[in-house]
Amino acid sequence: QVQLAESGGGLVQAGGSLRLSCVASVRTFSLRAMGWYRQAPGKQRELVATISGDGRTTYTDSVKGRFTISKDNAKNTVYLQMNSLKPEDTAVYYCNTRQDFRDYWGQGTQVTVSS
């Protein structure tokens, strides 16, 4: 059974930084792709960043140069380092992985950026 648990959200001023963590209780963590999504109030959930099993990363345009996704295979943990935060980054951030053609999600962690 896949379980994902996010942490690290909080309230930060614009220009500040946060690091989100997601511990994954999954088989073969080192081989799988992981992703971070976010959902702001009244908006659809959007993909923020992904990291493949071999470490290749992708980012949505709005976070390029500010966010960095990484993972620690020894800890079954994926991170999202968020720098130069903006009020428009305010959202609930979710960790994601896919197994057996099904998406799995954590409970989410709230990130609020004040102006």
Protein backbone atom coordinates (compact mmCIF):
# COMPACT_ATOMS: atom_id res chain seq x y z
CA GLN A 1 0.00 0.00 0.00
CA VAL A 2 1.29 3.45 -0.91
CA GLN A 3 1.35 6.15 1.75
CA LEU A 4 2.67 9.68 1.37
CA ALA A 5 3.13 12.17 4.19
CA GLU A 6 4.00 15.82 3.56
CA SER A 7 5.40 18.32 6.03
CA GLY A 8 7.14 21.66 6.09
CA GLY A 9 4.43 24.08 5.12
CA GLY A 10 3.73 27.29 6.97
CA LEU A 11 3.34 31.05 6.81
CA VAL A 12 6.18 33.03 5.29
CA GLN A 13 6.66 36.56 3.99
CA ALA A 14 7.15 37.24 0.31
CA GLY A 15 10.77 36.64 -0.65
CA GLY A 16 11.19 33.98 2.00
CA SER A 17 11.91 30.26 1.74
CA LEU A 18 10.40 26.97 2.82
CA ARG A 19 11.39 23.35 2.32
CA LEU A 20 8.66 20.77 1.95
CA SER A 21 9.28 17.10 2.65
CA CYS A 22 7.34 14.01 1.63
CA VAL A 23 8.08 10.63 3.15
CA ALA A 24 6.89 7.81 0.94
CA SER A 25 5.99 4.38 2.22
CA VAL A 26 6.38 2.61 -1.11
CA ARG A 27 8.26 -0.17 -2.78
CA THR A 28 11.20 0.70 -4.99
CA PHE A 29 11.28 4.39 -4.09
CA SER A 30 14.62 4.88 -5.82
CA LEU A 31 13.18 3.76 -9.15
CA ARG A 32 9.95 5.73 -9.22
CA ALA A 33 8.98 9.20 -10.32
CA MET A 34 7.67 11.59 -7.69
CA GLY A 35 5.88 14.88 -8.07
CA TRP A 36 4.73 17.95 -6.21
CA TYR A 37 1.38 19.54 -7.04
CA ARG A 38 -0.44 22.50 -5.55
CA GLN A 39 -4.00 23.71 -5.32
CA ALA A 40 -4.96 27.27 -4.55
CA PRO A 41 -8.48 28.19 -3.37
CA GLY A 42 -10.92 28.13 -6.27
CA LYS A 43 -8.34 26.75 -8.69
CA GLN A 44 -7.53 23.38 -10.16
CA ARG A 45 -4.66 21.33 -8.84
CA GLU A 46 -1.54 22.01 -10.88
CA LEU A 47 1.75 20.24 -11.35
CA VAL A 48 4.68 22.09 -9.81
CA ALA A 49 7.68 19.80 -10.25
CA THR A 50 8.64 16.20 -10.93
CA ILE A 51 11.70 14.06 -10.42
CA SER A 52 12.26 10.78 -12.21
CA GLY A 53 13.82 7.64 -10.83
CA ASP A 54 17.16 8.64 -12.31
CA GLY A 55 16.96 12.19 -11.02
CA ARG A 56 15.75 14.14 -14.03
CA THR A 57 13.61 17.11 -13.03
CA THR A 58 10.88 19.20 -14.60
CA TYR A 59 9.23 22.41 -13.38
CA THR A 60 6.23 24.46 -14.29
CA ASP A 61 7.29 27.78 -15.79
CA SER A 62 6.10 29.90 -12.87
CA VAL A 63 8.54 28.27 -10.41
CA LYS A 64 11.60 27.75 -12.61
CA GLY A 65 14.68 29.27 -11.00
CA ARG A 66 12.97 29.52 -7.61
CA PHE A 67 11.98 25.94 -6.66
CA THR A 68 14.15 22.83 -6.58
CA ILE A 69 12.90 19.25 -6.32
CA SER A 70 15.24 16.59 -4.98
CA LYS A 71 15.08 13.21 -3.31
CA ASP A 72 16.96 11.12 -0.80
CA ASN A 73 16.58 7.46 -1.69
CA ALA A 74 18.03 6.33 1.64
CA LYS A 75 15.21 8.15 3.44
CA ASN A 76 12.42 7.51 0.93
CA THR A 77 11.90 11.26 0.93
CA VAL A 78 11.31 13.83 -1.78
CA TYR A 79 11.86 17.52 -1.09
CA LEU A 80 10.71 20.78 -2.59
CA GLN A 81 12.97 23.72 -1.77
CA MET A 82 11.04 26.91 -2.40
CA ASN A 83 12.92 30.22 -2.54
CA SER A 84 11.85 33.76 -3.42
CA LEU A 85 8.29 32.88 -2.52
CA LYS A 86 5.48 35.02 -3.89
CA PRO A 87 1.89 35.49 -2.67
CA GLU A 88 0.71 33.60 -5.76
CA ASP A 89 2.56 30.51 -4.46
CA THR A 90 -0.02 30.28 -1.68
CA ALA A 91 -1.70 26.87 -1.93
CA VAL A 92 -1.97 23.42 -0.43
CA TYR A 93 1.00 21.42 -1.70
CA TYR A 94 0.61 17.70 -2.38
CA CYS A 95 3.08 14.93 -2.95
CA ASN A 96 2.23 12.46 -5.69
CA THR A 97 3.32 9.17 -7.14
CA ARG A 98 1.76 6.67 -9.49
CA GLN A 99 1.56 2.92 -9.07
CA ASP A 100 -0.39 0.31 -11.00
CA PHE A 101 -1.95 3.07 -13.13
CA ARG A 102 -3.33 4.84 -10.08
CA ASP A 103 -2.36 8.20 -8.58
CA TYR A 104 -1.57 8.41 -4.88
CA TRP A 105 -1.63 11.61 -2.85
CA GLY A 106 -0.58 12.78 0.57
CA GLN A 107 -2.83 14.80 2.84
CA GLY A 108 -1.24 18.06 1.72
CA THR A 109 0.60 20.83 3.53
CA GLN A 110 -0.51 24.47 3.52
CA VAL A 111 1.88 27.14 2.27
CA THR A 112 0.82 30.74 2.81
CA VAL A 113 2.92 33.62 1.50
CA SER A 114 2.06 37.07 2.82
CA SER A 115 2.79 40.23 0.86
